[in-house]
N, C-alpha and C. Protein backbone atom coordinates (compact mmCIF):
# COMPACT_ATOMS: atom_id res chain seq x y z
N MET A 1 0.80 -1.21 -0.01
CA MET A 1 -0.02 -0.04 -0.02
C MET A 1 0.83 1.23 0.00
N ALA A 2 2.13 1.16 0.39
CA ALA A 2 2.96 2.32 0.50
C ALA A 2 3.11 3.12 -0.76
N ASP A 3 2.92 2.49 -1.96
CA ASP A 3 3.07 3.17 -3.20
C ASP A 3 1.77 3.75 -3.75
N MET A 4 0.72 3.73 -2.91
CA MET A 4 -0.58 4.27 -3.30
C MET A 4 -0.48 5.80 -3.31
N ARG A 5 -0.94 6.45 -4.37
CA ARG A 5 -0.90 7.91 -4.41
C ARG A 5 -2.14 8.48 -3.73
N TRP A 6 -1.92 9.51 -2.92
CA TRP A 6 -3.06 10.15 -2.26
C TRP A 6 -2.65 11.55 -1.79
N TRP A 7 -3.59 12.38 -1.57
CA TRP A 7 -3.38 13.72 -1.05
C TRP A 7 -4.57 14.18 -0.26
N ALA A 8 -4.40 15.06 0.69
CA ALA A 8 -5.50 15.56 1.50
C ALA A 8 -5.13 16.93 2.03
N LYS A 9 -6.19 17.71 2.23
CA LYS A 9 -6.03 19.05 2.90
C LYS A 9 -7.26 19.35 3.75
N GLY A 10 -7.13 20.23 4.71
CA GLY A 10 -8.23 20.58 5.55
C GLY A 10 -7.77 21.22 6.84
N LEU A 11 -8.62 21.13 7.86
CA LEU A 11 -8.40 21.68 9.18
C LEU A 11 -8.06 20.61 10.18
N LEU A 12 -6.99 20.87 10.91
CA LEU A 12 -6.60 19.94 12.03
C LEU A 12 -6.55 20.75 13.32
N PHE A 13 -7.32 20.26 14.33
CA PHE A 13 -7.23 20.91 15.62
C PHE A 13 -7.01 19.84 16.72
N GLU A 14 -6.37 20.24 17.78
CA GLU A 14 -5.95 19.26 18.76
C GLU A 14 -6.09 19.88 20.20
N ASN A 15 -6.16 18.92 21.11
CA ASN A 15 -6.15 19.29 22.55
C ASN A 15 -5.56 18.12 23.30
N CYS A 16 -4.74 18.45 24.31
CA CYS A 16 -4.18 17.36 25.18
C CYS A 16 -4.14 17.82 26.59
N SER A 17 -3.65 16.99 27.47
CA SER A 17 -3.68 17.25 28.92
C SER A 17 -2.56 18.13 29.37
N CYS A 18 -1.63 18.51 28.49
CA CYS A 18 -0.57 19.44 28.90
C CYS A 18 -1.06 20.86 28.99
N GLN A 19 -0.28 21.68 29.68
CA GLN A 19 -0.53 23.10 29.71
C GLN A 19 -0.01 23.67 28.34
N LEU A 20 -0.39 24.85 28.02
CA LEU A 20 0.04 25.49 26.83
C LEU A 20 1.52 25.90 26.93
N VAL A 21 2.38 25.55 26.01
CA VAL A 21 2.16 24.64 24.85
C VAL A 21 2.65 23.30 25.22
N CYS A 22 2.05 22.23 24.69
CA CYS A 22 2.51 20.88 24.92
C CYS A 22 3.97 20.74 24.55
N PRO A 23 4.85 20.31 25.43
CA PRO A 23 6.23 20.11 25.12
C PRO A 23 6.46 19.25 23.89
N ALA A 24 5.66 18.16 23.74
CA ALA A 24 5.79 17.21 22.70
C ALA A 24 5.39 17.86 21.30
N HIS A 25 4.67 18.97 21.35
CA HIS A 25 4.36 19.59 20.09
C HIS A 25 5.61 20.20 19.50
N ILE A 26 6.54 20.58 20.33
CA ILE A 26 7.84 21.08 19.86
C ILE A 26 8.72 19.95 19.47
N SER A 27 8.76 18.91 20.24
CA SER A 27 9.56 17.72 19.93
C SER A 27 8.99 16.53 20.70
N PHE A 28 8.79 15.39 20.15
CA PHE A 28 8.35 14.20 20.83
C PHE A 28 9.39 13.73 21.88
N LYS A 29 10.63 14.19 21.78
CA LYS A 29 11.62 13.82 22.74
C LYS A 29 11.49 14.57 24.09
N HIS A 30 10.74 15.67 24.06
CA HIS A 30 10.53 16.42 25.26
C HIS A 30 9.45 15.67 26.16
N TYR A 31 9.55 15.96 27.42
CA TYR A 31 8.64 15.30 28.38
C TYR A 31 7.36 16.15 28.58
N CYS A 32 6.23 15.44 28.54
CA CYS A 32 4.93 16.13 28.71
C CYS A 32 4.75 16.57 30.15
N ASP A 33 3.66 17.29 30.38
CA ASP A 33 3.50 17.88 31.73
C ASP A 33 2.99 16.92 32.80
N ASN A 34 2.40 15.82 32.34
CA ASN A 34 1.81 14.88 33.29
C ASN A 34 2.36 13.44 32.99
N ASP A 35 1.98 12.54 33.89
CA ASP A 35 2.44 11.18 33.72
C ASP A 35 2.08 10.57 32.38
N ARG A 36 0.91 10.91 31.90
CA ARG A 36 0.40 10.51 30.61
C ARG A 36 0.01 11.73 29.79
N CYS A 37 0.18 11.68 28.49
CA CYS A 37 -0.36 12.73 27.60
C CYS A 37 -1.61 12.12 26.90
N GLN A 38 -2.71 12.70 27.19
CA GLN A 38 -4.05 12.22 26.70
C GLN A 38 -4.71 13.31 25.91
N GLY A 39 -5.06 12.96 24.68
CA GLY A 39 -5.75 13.99 23.87
C GLY A 39 -6.23 13.48 22.55
N HIS A 40 -6.24 14.34 21.57
CA HIS A 40 -6.79 13.98 20.29
C HIS A 40 -6.19 14.89 19.19
N TRP A 41 -6.26 14.36 17.92
CA TRP A 41 -6.16 15.18 16.72
C TRP A 41 -7.47 14.99 16.03
N SER A 42 -8.19 16.08 15.71
CA SER A 42 -9.44 16.08 15.00
C SER A 42 -9.27 16.73 13.65
N MET A 43 -9.80 16.12 12.56
CA MET A 43 -9.53 16.58 11.21
C MET A 43 -10.80 16.65 10.46
N HIS A 44 -10.93 17.78 9.71
CA HIS A 44 -12.03 17.96 8.75
C HIS A 44 -11.42 18.20 7.39
N PHE A 45 -11.67 17.30 6.45
CA PHE A 45 -11.15 17.37 5.14
C PHE A 45 -11.90 18.32 4.24
N THR A 46 -11.23 19.29 3.64
CA THR A 46 -11.82 20.15 2.62
C THR A 46 -11.46 19.75 1.20
N GLY A 47 -10.66 18.71 1.12
CA GLY A 47 -10.29 18.18 -0.20
C GLY A 47 -9.43 16.99 -0.05
N GLY A 48 -9.29 16.19 -1.05
CA GLY A 48 -8.43 15.01 -0.99
C GLY A 48 -8.88 13.89 -1.85
N ARG A 49 -7.91 13.05 -2.25
CA ARG A 49 -8.27 11.82 -2.96
C ARG A 49 -7.28 10.72 -2.57
N PHE A 50 -7.83 9.53 -2.40
CA PHE A 50 -7.06 8.32 -2.18
C PHE A 50 -7.27 7.45 -3.38
N ASP A 51 -6.29 7.46 -4.29
CA ASP A 51 -6.51 6.84 -5.60
C ASP A 51 -7.76 7.51 -6.25
N GLU A 52 -8.82 6.84 -6.44
CA GLU A 52 -10.02 7.38 -7.04
C GLU A 52 -11.15 7.75 -6.02
N VAL A 53 -10.76 7.64 -4.72
CA VAL A 53 -11.80 7.86 -3.66
C VAL A 53 -11.66 9.29 -3.15
N SER A 54 -12.78 10.04 -3.20
CA SER A 54 -12.80 11.37 -2.64
C SER A 54 -12.80 11.37 -1.15
N LEU A 55 -12.03 12.30 -0.51
CA LEU A 55 -12.05 12.45 0.88
C LEU A 55 -12.69 13.76 1.34
N ASP A 56 -13.21 14.52 0.40
CA ASP A 56 -13.75 15.83 0.66
C ASP A 56 -14.99 15.76 1.57
N GLY A 57 -14.91 16.57 2.67
CA GLY A 57 -16.07 16.69 3.59
C GLY A 57 -16.05 15.68 4.74
N LEU A 58 -15.09 14.77 4.75
CA LEU A 58 -15.05 13.74 5.79
C LEU A 58 -14.46 14.33 7.09
N ASN A 59 -14.76 13.65 8.20
CA ASN A 59 -14.14 13.98 9.50
C ASN A 59 -13.60 12.70 10.14
N ILE A 60 -12.51 12.88 10.85
CA ILE A 60 -11.97 11.76 11.60
C ILE A 60 -11.29 12.34 12.87
N VAL A 61 -11.43 11.57 13.95
CA VAL A 61 -10.79 11.95 15.25
C VAL A 61 -9.83 10.83 15.60
N VAL A 62 -8.58 11.14 16.01
CA VAL A 62 -7.67 10.24 16.55
C VAL A 62 -7.46 10.53 18.03
N VAL A 63 -7.95 9.68 18.87
CA VAL A 63 -7.85 9.83 20.31
C VAL A 63 -6.64 8.97 20.78
N PHE A 64 -5.74 9.55 21.60
CA PHE A 64 -4.52 8.87 21.98
C PHE A 64 -4.26 9.00 23.52
N ASP A 65 -3.51 8.03 23.92
CA ASP A 65 -2.93 8.02 25.34
C ASP A 65 -1.51 7.56 25.22
N SER A 66 -0.55 8.41 25.66
CA SER A 66 0.85 8.10 25.49
C SER A 66 1.56 8.24 26.83
N PRO A 67 2.76 7.69 26.93
CA PRO A 67 3.64 7.91 28.14
C PRO A 67 4.10 9.38 28.11
N VAL A 68 4.74 9.75 29.20
CA VAL A 68 5.15 11.13 29.46
C VAL A 68 6.12 11.63 28.35
N GLN A 69 6.89 10.73 27.73
CA GLN A 69 7.71 11.03 26.60
C GLN A 69 7.13 10.30 25.36
N MET A 70 6.49 11.07 24.53
CA MET A 70 5.81 10.43 23.36
C MET A 70 6.81 9.67 22.46
N TYR A 71 8.00 10.16 22.43
CA TYR A 71 9.05 9.51 21.57
C TYR A 71 9.35 8.07 21.95
N SER A 72 9.04 7.69 23.23
CA SER A 72 9.29 6.35 23.69
C SER A 72 8.31 5.36 23.16
N GLY A 73 7.29 5.83 22.48
CA GLY A 73 6.30 4.94 21.89
C GLY A 73 5.33 4.42 22.91
N ASN A 74 4.75 3.27 22.63
CA ASN A 74 3.78 2.61 23.51
C ASN A 74 2.45 3.38 23.59
N TRP A 75 2.07 4.08 22.51
CA TRP A 75 0.80 4.77 22.49
C TRP A 75 -0.34 3.80 22.34
N THR A 76 -1.47 4.21 22.90
CA THR A 76 -2.78 3.57 22.66
C THR A 76 -3.62 4.56 21.87
N GLN A 77 -4.26 4.15 20.80
CA GLN A 77 -5.07 5.09 20.06
C GLN A 77 -6.30 4.41 19.39
N ARG A 78 -7.28 5.22 19.12
CA ARG A 78 -8.49 4.74 18.35
C ARG A 78 -8.86 5.83 17.37
N PHE A 79 -9.34 5.37 16.21
CA PHE A 79 -9.91 6.26 15.23
C PHE A 79 -11.45 6.26 15.34
N TYR A 80 -11.98 7.46 15.23
CA TYR A 80 -13.43 7.66 15.16
C TYR A 80 -13.70 8.31 13.80
N VAL A 81 -14.43 7.60 12.94
CA VAL A 81 -14.65 8.04 11.61
C VAL A 81 -16.13 8.42 11.44
N ASP A 82 -16.37 9.52 10.75
CA ASP A 82 -17.77 10.01 10.53
C ASP A 82 -18.54 8.92 9.80
N ASP A 83 -19.70 8.54 10.29
CA ASP A 83 -20.46 7.45 9.70
C ASP A 83 -21.07 7.84 8.37
N GLN A 84 -20.89 9.12 7.97
CA GLN A 84 -21.33 9.48 6.62
C GLN A 84 -20.37 9.02 5.55
N ALA A 85 -19.20 8.54 5.96
CA ALA A 85 -18.22 8.00 4.95
C ALA A 85 -18.74 6.68 4.44
N ASN A 86 -18.63 6.48 3.13
CA ASN A 86 -19.02 5.17 2.52
C ASN A 86 -17.94 4.14 2.75
N ARG A 87 -18.17 2.92 2.28
CA ARG A 87 -17.27 1.83 2.54
C ARG A 87 -15.90 2.14 2.00
N GLU A 88 -15.77 2.66 0.77
CA GLU A 88 -14.48 2.97 0.16
C GLU A 88 -13.71 4.07 0.92
N GLN A 89 -14.47 5.05 1.37
CA GLN A 89 -13.89 6.20 2.12
C GLN A 89 -13.38 5.69 3.53
N ARG A 90 -14.17 4.81 4.14
CA ARG A 90 -13.73 4.27 5.39
C ARG A 90 -12.43 3.50 5.28
N GLN A 91 -12.34 2.69 4.24
CA GLN A 91 -11.16 1.90 3.98
C GLN A 91 -9.95 2.83 3.73
N ALA A 92 -10.20 3.90 2.91
CA ALA A 92 -9.07 4.81 2.59
C ALA A 92 -8.54 5.43 3.90
N LEU A 93 -9.42 5.95 4.69
CA LEU A 93 -9.00 6.62 5.99
C LEU A 93 -8.26 5.63 6.90
N GLU A 94 -8.71 4.43 6.99
CA GLU A 94 -8.05 3.40 7.76
C GLU A 94 -6.62 3.20 7.29
N ILE A 95 -6.51 3.09 5.95
CA ILE A 95 -5.13 2.81 5.41
C ILE A 95 -4.22 3.97 5.68
N ILE A 96 -4.73 5.25 5.42
CA ILE A 96 -3.91 6.40 5.63
C ILE A 96 -3.43 6.53 7.07
N PHE A 97 -4.39 6.53 7.97
CA PHE A 97 -4.09 6.76 9.39
C PHE A 97 -3.36 5.61 10.12
N ARG A 98 -3.44 4.42 9.58
CA ARG A 98 -2.67 3.35 10.10
C ARG A 98 -1.20 3.34 9.58
N GLY A 99 -0.98 4.35 8.74
CA GLY A 99 0.42 4.51 8.15
C GLY A 99 0.77 3.61 7.08
N GLN A 100 -0.22 3.03 6.40
CA GLN A 100 0.05 1.97 5.42
C GLN A 100 0.14 2.49 3.99
N ALA A 101 0.08 3.87 3.87
CA ALA A 101 0.12 4.50 2.52
C ALA A 101 1.11 5.61 2.46
N GLY A 102 2.16 5.56 3.35
CA GLY A 102 3.15 6.57 3.28
C GLY A 102 2.59 7.89 3.90
N GLY A 103 3.34 8.95 3.70
CA GLY A 103 2.88 10.25 4.26
C GLY A 103 3.23 10.37 5.74
N PRO A 104 2.73 11.45 6.36
CA PRO A 104 3.06 11.72 7.80
C PRO A 104 2.63 10.64 8.78
N TRP A 105 1.49 10.05 8.50
CA TRP A 105 0.94 9.06 9.45
C TRP A 105 1.72 7.74 9.45
N GLU A 106 2.56 7.50 8.35
CA GLU A 106 3.41 6.34 8.45
C GLU A 106 4.45 6.50 9.58
N THR A 107 4.90 7.74 9.73
CA THR A 107 5.91 7.98 10.84
C THR A 107 5.25 7.89 12.18
N LEU A 108 4.04 8.50 12.36
CA LEU A 108 3.38 8.45 13.63
C LEU A 108 2.95 7.05 14.06
N ALA A 109 2.62 6.21 13.08
CA ALA A 109 2.16 4.83 13.36
C ALA A 109 3.25 4.02 14.07
N ARG A 110 4.51 4.43 13.89
CA ARG A 110 5.58 3.69 14.53
C ARG A 110 5.57 3.79 16.07
N PHE A 111 4.89 4.80 16.60
CA PHE A 111 4.87 4.97 18.05
C PHE A 111 3.70 4.28 18.70
N VAL A 112 2.81 3.76 17.87
CA VAL A 112 1.54 3.11 18.40
C VAL A 112 1.81 1.64 18.68
N SER A 113 1.58 1.23 19.92
CA SER A 113 1.68 -0.21 20.23
C SER A 113 0.30 -0.87 20.35
N THR A 114 -0.74 -0.12 20.65
CA THR A 114 -2.12 -0.65 20.76
C THR A 114 -3.05 0.19 19.90
N GLN A 115 -3.42 -0.37 18.78
CA GLN A 115 -4.37 0.28 17.86
C GLN A 115 -5.73 -0.38 18.10
N LEU A 116 -6.67 0.35 18.78
CA LEU A 116 -7.95 -0.15 19.06
C LEU A 116 -8.84 -0.19 17.80
N ASP A 117 -9.94 -0.95 17.84
CA ASP A 117 -10.85 -1.02 16.71
C ASP A 117 -11.39 0.37 16.39
N THR A 118 -11.55 0.64 15.11
CA THR A 118 -12.04 1.88 14.62
C THR A 118 -13.60 1.89 14.88
N CYS A 119 -14.11 3.10 15.30
CA CYS A 119 -15.51 3.30 15.48
C CYS A 119 -16.04 4.20 14.41
N PHE A 120 -17.18 3.75 13.78
CA PHE A 120 -17.85 4.58 12.75
C PHE A 120 -19.07 5.19 13.42
N VAL A 121 -19.08 6.48 13.63
CA VAL A 121 -20.05 7.12 14.49
C VAL A 121 -20.57 8.41 13.91
N PRO A 122 -21.80 8.79 14.29
CA PRO A 122 -22.24 10.16 13.87
C PRO A 122 -21.42 11.23 14.54
N MET A 123 -21.06 12.27 13.85
CA MET A 123 -20.34 13.32 14.45
C MET A 123 -20.76 14.68 13.83
N THR A 124 -20.55 15.74 14.67
CA THR A 124 -20.88 17.06 14.21
C THR A 124 -19.64 17.91 14.27
N PHE A 125 -19.23 18.52 13.18
CA PHE A 125 -18.07 19.41 13.14
C PHE A 125 -18.57 20.85 12.98
N GLU A 126 -17.94 21.78 13.73
CA GLU A 126 -18.31 23.17 13.64
C GLU A 126 -17.05 24.02 13.55
N ASP A 127 -16.99 24.90 12.61
CA ASP A 127 -15.90 25.89 12.49
C ASP A 127 -16.49 27.28 12.59
N ALA A 128 -16.30 27.92 13.80
CA ALA A 128 -16.85 29.24 14.05
C ALA A 128 -15.72 30.24 14.16
N GLY A 129 -14.88 30.20 13.18
CA GLY A 129 -13.73 31.14 13.17
C GLY A 129 -12.68 30.74 14.22
N ARG A 130 -12.65 31.46 15.33
CA ARG A 130 -11.64 31.21 16.38
C ARG A 130 -12.07 30.02 17.29
N ILE A 131 -13.23 29.44 17.05
CA ILE A 131 -13.63 28.31 17.85
C ILE A 131 -13.90 27.13 16.92
N LYS A 132 -13.22 25.99 17.18
CA LYS A 132 -13.38 24.81 16.48
C LYS A 132 -14.07 23.73 17.42
N ARG A 133 -14.99 23.02 16.96
CA ARG A 133 -15.71 22.08 17.84
C ARG A 133 -16.07 20.81 17.09
N LEU A 134 -15.97 19.68 17.77
CA LEU A 134 -16.42 18.38 17.21
C LEU A 134 -17.09 17.59 18.28
N THR A 135 -18.23 17.00 17.97
CA THR A 135 -19.04 16.26 18.95
C THR A 135 -19.36 14.88 18.39
N ILE A 136 -19.17 13.84 19.21
CA ILE A 136 -19.68 12.51 18.95
C ILE A 136 -20.65 12.21 20.07
N PRO A 137 -21.92 12.10 19.79
CA PRO A 137 -22.93 11.94 20.92
C PRO A 137 -22.58 10.86 21.87
N GLU A 138 -22.58 11.23 23.18
CA GLU A 138 -22.44 10.30 24.29
C GLU A 138 -20.99 9.75 24.43
N VAL A 139 -20.07 10.14 23.55
CA VAL A 139 -18.72 9.56 23.53
C VAL A 139 -17.60 10.60 23.67
N PHE A 140 -17.74 11.68 22.91
CA PHE A 140 -16.60 12.61 22.74
C PHE A 140 -17.08 13.96 22.43
N GLN A 141 -16.49 14.94 23.04
CA GLN A 141 -16.77 16.32 22.77
C GLN A 141 -15.53 17.18 22.99
N THR A 142 -15.19 18.01 22.01
CA THR A 142 -14.00 18.88 22.13
C THR A 142 -14.30 20.26 21.58
N THR A 143 -13.63 21.25 22.19
CA THR A 143 -13.68 22.58 21.74
C THR A 143 -12.27 23.20 21.87
N VAL A 144 -11.82 23.85 20.78
CA VAL A 144 -10.55 24.60 20.89
C VAL A 144 -10.84 26.03 20.48
N GLN A 145 -10.43 26.95 21.35
CA GLN A 145 -10.67 28.38 21.12
C GLN A 145 -9.32 29.11 21.06
N ALA A 146 -9.17 29.89 19.99
CA ALA A 146 -7.87 30.57 19.79
C ALA A 146 -7.61 31.60 20.85
N ILE A 147 -6.32 31.83 21.12
CA ILE A 147 -5.85 32.85 22.02
C ILE A 147 -5.49 34.11 21.22
N ARG A 148 -5.90 35.28 21.72
CA ARG A 148 -5.58 36.51 21.03
C ARG A 148 -4.11 36.90 21.21
N GLY A 149 -3.54 37.46 20.19
CA GLY A 149 -2.17 37.89 20.21
C GLY A 149 -2.00 39.23 20.97
N SER A 150 -0.81 39.76 20.95
CA SER A 150 -0.47 40.96 21.72
C SER A 150 -1.18 42.18 21.17
N ASP A 151 -1.65 42.13 19.89
CA ASP A 151 -2.34 43.29 19.30
C ASP A 151 -3.87 43.24 19.69
N ASP A 152 -4.25 42.15 20.32
CA ASP A 152 -5.64 42.00 20.83
C ASP A 152 -6.67 41.82 19.67
N THR A 153 -6.15 41.69 18.43
CA THR A 153 -7.08 41.49 17.36
C THR A 153 -6.83 40.13 16.57
N SER A 154 -5.53 39.87 16.27
CA SER A 154 -5.22 38.64 15.58
C SER A 154 -4.87 37.55 16.60
N GLU A 155 -4.75 36.34 16.10
CA GLU A 155 -4.51 35.17 16.98
C GLU A 155 -3.00 35.07 17.27
N ALA A 156 -2.69 34.49 18.42
CA ALA A 156 -1.30 34.14 18.75
C ALA A 156 -0.95 32.84 17.94
N VAL A 157 0.22 32.84 17.33
CA VAL A 157 0.57 31.73 16.46
C VAL A 157 2.03 31.25 16.71
N LEU A 158 2.28 30.05 16.31
CA LEU A 158 3.57 29.47 16.20
C LEU A 158 3.79 29.29 14.66
N SER A 159 5.00 29.62 14.19
CA SER A 159 5.24 29.39 12.77
C SER A 159 6.68 28.90 12.57
N ASN A 160 6.92 28.32 11.41
CA ASN A 160 8.24 27.86 11.03
C ASN A 160 8.68 26.75 12.01
N LEU A 161 7.74 25.90 12.45
CA LEU A 161 8.04 24.88 13.41
C LEU A 161 7.89 23.51 12.66
N HIS A 162 8.94 22.66 12.84
CA HIS A 162 8.88 21.37 12.15
C HIS A 162 7.78 20.49 12.78
N ASN A 163 6.81 20.08 12.01
CA ASN A 163 5.71 19.26 12.51
C ASN A 163 5.23 18.44 11.34
N LEU A 164 5.01 17.15 11.56
CA LEU A 164 4.66 16.25 10.47
C LEU A 164 3.25 16.44 9.92
N ILE A 165 2.32 16.78 10.78
CA ILE A 165 0.90 16.74 10.32
C ILE A 165 0.29 18.16 10.29
N HIS A 166 0.83 19.15 10.95
CA HIS A 166 0.24 20.47 10.87
C HIS A 166 0.76 21.26 9.72
N GLY A 167 0.01 22.32 9.39
CA GLY A 167 0.44 23.28 8.39
C GLY A 167 1.53 24.17 8.95
N PRO A 168 1.99 25.18 8.14
CA PRO A 168 3.13 25.98 8.58
C PRO A 168 2.83 26.96 9.69
N THR A 169 1.54 27.33 9.86
CA THR A 169 1.18 28.29 10.95
C THR A 169 0.23 27.62 11.86
N HIS A 170 0.56 27.59 13.15
CA HIS A 170 -0.28 26.92 14.17
C HIS A 170 -0.89 28.02 15.06
N VAL A 171 -2.20 28.05 15.11
CA VAL A 171 -2.90 29.07 15.93
C VAL A 171 -3.01 28.48 17.37
N LEU A 172 -2.49 29.14 18.31
CA LEU A 172 -2.51 28.68 19.70
C LEU A 172 -3.92 28.88 20.29
N GLY A 173 -4.31 27.91 21.16
CA GLY A 173 -5.65 28.01 21.76
C GLY A 173 -5.67 27.29 23.06
N ARG A 174 -6.84 27.36 23.69
CA ARG A 174 -7.10 26.57 24.88
C ARG A 174 -8.19 25.55 24.56
N GLY A 175 -8.04 24.33 25.04
CA GLY A 175 -9.00 23.35 24.61
C GLY A 175 -9.69 22.73 25.84
N LYS A 176 -10.79 22.11 25.51
CA LYS A 176 -11.64 21.36 26.47
C LYS A 176 -12.11 20.09 25.76
N THR A 177 -11.83 18.96 26.39
CA THR A 177 -12.21 17.66 25.79
C THR A 177 -12.74 16.73 26.88
N ASP A 178 -13.85 16.03 26.58
CA ASP A 178 -14.34 14.97 27.33
C ASP A 178 -14.50 13.70 26.47
N CYS A 179 -13.88 12.66 26.82
CA CYS A 179 -13.98 11.38 26.13
C CYS A 179 -14.15 10.27 27.16
N THR A 180 -15.27 9.54 27.04
CA THR A 180 -15.59 8.53 28.07
C THR A 180 -15.74 7.17 27.44
N ASP A 181 -15.12 6.96 26.27
CA ASP A 181 -15.20 5.66 25.59
C ASP A 181 -14.06 4.80 26.06
N SER A 182 -14.30 3.80 26.80
CA SER A 182 -13.30 2.94 27.40
C SER A 182 -12.36 2.36 26.30
N PRO A 183 -11.05 2.33 26.54
CA PRO A 183 -10.34 2.58 27.83
C PRO A 183 -10.00 4.03 28.14
N PHE A 184 -10.43 4.96 27.26
CA PHE A 184 -10.13 6.30 27.52
C PHE A 184 -11.03 6.95 28.59
N GLU A 185 -10.42 7.81 29.38
CA GLU A 185 -11.24 8.56 30.37
C GLU A 185 -10.54 9.92 30.42
N ILE A 186 -10.87 10.77 29.45
CA ILE A 186 -10.20 12.05 29.26
C ILE A 186 -11.06 13.21 29.60
N HIS A 187 -10.57 14.05 30.52
CA HIS A 187 -11.34 15.28 30.90
C HIS A 187 -10.32 16.45 30.96
N ASN A 188 -10.11 17.03 29.85
CA ASN A 188 -9.23 18.20 29.81
C ASN A 188 -10.02 19.47 29.82
N GLU A 189 -9.49 20.49 30.46
CA GLU A 189 -10.14 21.84 30.47
C GLU A 189 -9.07 22.91 30.57
N LYS A 190 -9.15 23.87 29.63
CA LYS A 190 -8.21 25.04 29.57
C LYS A 190 -6.79 24.53 29.48
N THR A 191 -6.56 23.53 28.62
CA THR A 191 -5.23 22.92 28.42
C THR A 191 -4.81 23.23 26.97
N HIS A 192 -3.62 22.67 26.65
CA HIS A 192 -3.02 22.88 25.30
C HIS A 192 -4.02 22.65 24.20
N GLY A 193 -4.14 23.59 23.31
CA GLY A 193 -4.94 23.47 22.10
C GLY A 193 -4.36 24.26 21.01
N LEU A 194 -4.53 23.88 19.75
CA LEU A 194 -4.16 24.66 18.65
C LEU A 194 -4.79 24.08 17.38
N TYR A 195 -4.73 24.88 16.30
CA TYR A 195 -5.27 24.37 15.00
C TYR A 195 -4.42 24.94 13.85
N SER A 196 -4.53 24.30 12.70
CA SER A 196 -3.86 24.73 11.48
C SER A 196 -4.56 24.15 10.27
N ASN A 197 -4.21 24.64 9.13
CA ASN A 197 -4.62 24.09 7.91
C ASN A 197 -3.55 23.17 7.32
N PHE A 198 -3.94 21.90 7.24
CA PHE A 198 -2.93 20.89 6.86
C PHE A 198 -2.98 20.61 5.35
N SER A 199 -1.90 20.09 4.85
CA SER A 199 -1.78 19.61 3.46
C SER A 199 -0.79 18.42 3.44
N TRP A 200 -1.32 17.26 3.09
CA TRP A 200 -0.51 16.04 3.09
C TRP A 200 -0.56 15.44 1.68
N GLU A 201 0.47 14.67 1.36
CA GLU A 201 0.43 13.89 0.15
C GLU A 201 1.51 12.83 0.20
N ALA A 202 1.25 11.71 -0.51
CA ALA A 202 2.21 10.67 -0.70
C ALA A 202 2.13 10.14 -2.10
N ASN A 203 3.26 9.88 -2.69
CA ASN A 203 3.32 9.41 -4.06
C ASN A 203 3.93 7.98 -4.15
């Protein structure tokens, strides 16, 4: 599958249990703020194709639990895929995010020791400018709100930072997440959050 051609773009927003900014966002070799780093990457696709399969309009959430140093591996994670995705789209997302088709997720997959079964669920994605929100009824809810910069009008940002999955400019925010889907028990509030416009491809 590694030679499969695909590309994707859209919005990526995240929240974890660290304070702003998560040390692992700068480098996985840094130690996180707590004994475990628990959080998510949530993505809304505004375009993309996996071979002949369109990814446009799809949503996926990657919920993770990792040791204090993410670089040490041994992550547990689960994918939650929008149930509006058809069979071919579901298969495409599974292949991409399991790292079986090259691209950035091939690198991240190396840190995962426990990949839980994927859940196909109804979800609601909202983009209200500085507020990004995604809800899976009775299972998962997250909100990331941008932090204002020193001029009190534009957002505080990180730029020119090496990161495999984010775009070149990361808008800093505070996040709130509740996930009660076993084995996860995540309750973050006013912790590390950010978002960016991503662009991935693999040839």
